């Protein structure tokens, strides 16, 4: 496993120390913040890929359009066959 040392100084170090839970080490906290940021980037990329897919796939687009029109506040009065 490759280990890397990153130097944190000044205002950034102060902000990180102030924002971390008191029972966590700074190393663990910084690692978790970085992992969360990478996870958000991965989700954003997936959302962009899905958007491109929806734009290029007529069936998926029609299904989403139908979902958008659905009244989710009213209880259905009859059961419809599932797709």
C-alpha atoms as a PDB file:
ATOM      1  CA  UNK A   1       0.000   0.000   0.000  1.00  0.00           C
ATOM      2  CA  UNK A   2       1.384   3.372  -0.991  1.00  0.00           C
ATOM      3  CA  UNK A   3       1.334   5.994   1.749  1.00  0.00           C
ATOM      4  CA  UNK A   4       1.373   9.725   1.110  1.00  0.00           C
ATOM      5  CA  UNK A   5       2.050  12.579   3.473  1.00  0.00           C
ATOM      6  CA  UNK A   6       0.208  15.809   2.843  1.00  0.00           C
ATOM      7  CA  UNK A   7       1.183  18.919   4.710  1.00  0.00           C
ATOM      8  CA  UNK A   8      -1.688  21.050   5.985  1.00  0.00           C
ATOM      9  CA  UNK A   9      -0.940  24.501   7.292  1.00  0.00           C
ATOM     10  CA  UNK A  10      -2.521  27.727   8.368  1.00  0.00           C
ATOM     11  CA  UNK A  11      -6.201  28.436   7.843  1.00  0.00           C
ATOM     12  CA  UNK A  12      -6.938  25.116   6.141  1.00  0.00           C
ATOM     13  CA  UNK A  13      -5.509  23.149   9.058  1.00  0.00           C
ATOM     14  CA  UNK A  14      -7.430  25.302  11.539  1.00  0.00           C
ATOM     15  CA  UNK A  15     -10.712  24.812   9.651  1.00  0.00           C
ATOM     16  CA  UNK A  16     -10.222  21.054   9.465  1.00  0.00           C
ATOM     17  CA  UNK A  17      -9.373  20.808  13.157  1.00  0.00           C
ATOM     18  CA  UNK A  18     -12.443  22.884  14.034  1.00  0.00           C
ATOM     19  CA  UNK A  19     -14.808  20.900  11.827  1.00  0.00           C
ATOM     20  CA  UNK A  20     -13.772  17.357  12.788  1.00  0.00           C
ATOM     21  CA  UNK A  21     -15.566  15.481  15.544  1.00  0.00           C
ATOM     22  CA  UNK A  22     -13.557  15.649  18.783  1.00  0.00           C
ATOM     23  CA  UNK A  23     -13.231  11.864  18.996  1.00  0.00           C
ATOM     24  CA  UNK A  24     -11.689  11.507  15.501  1.00  0.00           C
ATOM     25  CA  UNK A  25      -8.073  11.869  14.521  1.00  0.00           C
ATOM     26  CA  UNK A  26      -7.294  14.486  11.908  1.00  0.00           C
ATOM     27  CA  UNK A  27      -5.930  11.773   9.605  1.00  0.00           C
ATOM     28  CA  UNK A  28      -9.143   9.736   9.748  1.00  0.00           C
ATOM     29  CA  UNK A  29     -11.279  12.861   9.294  1.00  0.00           C
ATOM     30  CA  UNK A  30      -9.326  14.086   6.240  1.00  0.00           C
ATOM     31  CA  UNK A  31      -9.462  10.589   4.722  1.00  0.00           C
ATOM     32  CA  UNK A  32     -13.250  10.456   5.193  1.00  0.00           C
ATOM     33  CA  UNK A  33     -13.744  13.955   3.742  1.00  0.00           C
ATOM     34  CA  UNK A  34     -11.696  13.018   0.685  1.00  0.00           C
ATOM     35  CA  UNK A  35     -13.589   9.735   0.235  1.00  0.00           C
ATOM     36  CA  UNK A  36     -16.942  11.558   0.450  1.00  0.00           C
ATOM     37  CA  UNK A  37     -15.761  14.027  -2.171  1.00  0.00           C
ATOM     38  CA  UNK A  38     -14.705  11.218  -4.508  1.00  0.00           C
ATOM     39  CA  UNK A  39     -18.050   9.478  -3.949  1.00  0.00           C
ATOM     40  CA  UNK A  40     -19.911  12.685  -4.875  1.00  0.00           C
ATOM     41  CA  UNK A  41     -17.872  12.998  -8.071  1.00  0.00           C
ATOM     42  CA  UNK A  42     -18.685   9.396  -8.989  1.00  0.00           C
ATOM     43  CA  UNK A  43     -22.408   9.993  -8.408  1.00  0.00           C
ATOM     44  CA  UNK A  44     -22.289  13.198 -10.465  1.00  0.00           C
ATOM     45  CA  UNK A  45     -20.600  11.371 -13.344  1.00  0.00           C
ATOM     46  CA  UNK A  46     -23.188   8.589 -13.183  1.00  0.00           C
ATOM     47  CA  UNK A  47     -26.005  11.149 -13.247  1.00  0.00           C
ATOM     48  CA  UNK A  48     -24.531  12.803 -16.338  1.00  0.00           C
ATOM     49  CA  UNK A  49     -24.200   9.415 -18.054  1.00  0.00           C
ATOM     50  CA  UNK A  50     -27.798   8.564 -17.168  1.00  0.00           C
ATOM     51  CA  UNK A  51     -29.014  11.910 -18.481  1.00  0.00           C
ATOM     52  CA  UNK A  52     -27.246  11.231 -21.790  1.00  0.00           C
ATOM     53  CA  UNK A  53     -28.786   7.751 -21.863  1.00  0.00           C
ATOM     54  CA  UNK A  54     -32.295   9.107 -21.277  1.00  0.00           C
ATOM     55  CA  UNK A  55     -31.854  11.659 -24.040  1.00  0.00           C
ATOM     56  CA  UNK A  56     -30.787   8.939 -26.480  1.00  0.00           C
ATOM     57  CA  UNK A  57     -33.270   6.193 -25.495  1.00  0.00           C
ATOM     58  CA  UNK A  58     -36.900   6.855 -26.445  1.00  0.00           C
ATOM     59  CA  UNK A  59     -38.345   4.099 -24.236  1.00  0.00           C
ATOM     60  CA  UNK A  60     -36.533   5.331 -21.129  1.00  0.00           C
ATOM     61  CA  UNK A  61     -37.531   8.908 -21.931  1.00  0.00           C
ATOM     62  CA  UNK A  62     -41.200   7.880 -22.313  1.00  0.00           C
ATOM     63  CA  UNK A  63     -41.126   6.012 -19.000  1.00  0.00           C
ATOM     64  CA  UNK A  64     -39.681   9.038 -17.214  1.00  0.00           C
ATOM     65  CA  UNK A  65     -42.237  11.323 -18.832  1.00  0.00           C
ATOM     66  CA  UNK A  66     -45.001   9.023 -17.576  1.00  0.00           C
ATOM     67  CA  UNK A  67     -43.461   9.017 -14.104  1.00  0.00           C
ATOM     68  CA  UNK A  68     -43.363  12.834 -14.106  1.00  0.00           C
ATOM     69  CA  UNK A  69     -47.099  12.972 -14.905  1.00  0.00           C
ATOM     70  CA  UNK A  70     -48.019  10.464 -12.171  1.00  0.00           C
ATOM     71  CA  UNK A  71     -50.093  11.819  -9.285  1.00  0.00           C
ATOM     72  CA  UNK A  72     -48.131  10.634  -6.270  1.00  0.00           C
ATOM     73  CA  UNK A  73     -50.423  12.348  -3.767  1.00  0.00           C
ATOM     74  CA  UNK A  74     -53.571  10.355  -4.546  1.00  0.00           C
ATOM     75  CA  UNK A  75     -54.134   6.723  -3.643  1.00  0.00           C
ATOM     76  CA  UNK A  76     -54.961   4.714  -6.767  1.00  0.00           C
ATOM     77  CA  UNK A  77     -58.532   3.464  -6.935  1.00  0.00           C
ATOM     78  CA  UNK A  78     -57.775   0.389  -9.005  1.00  0.00           C
ATOM     79  CA  UNK A  79     -54.798  -1.798  -9.593  1.00  0.00           C
ATOM     80  CA  UNK A  80     -53.177  -1.718 -13.007  1.00  0.00           C
ATOM     81  CA  UNK A  81     -51.097  -4.525 -14.418  1.00  0.00           C
ATOM     82  CA  UNK A  82     -47.441  -3.919 -13.701  1.00  0.00           C
ATOM     83  CA  UNK A  83     -45.084  -3.333 -16.611  1.00  0.00           C
END
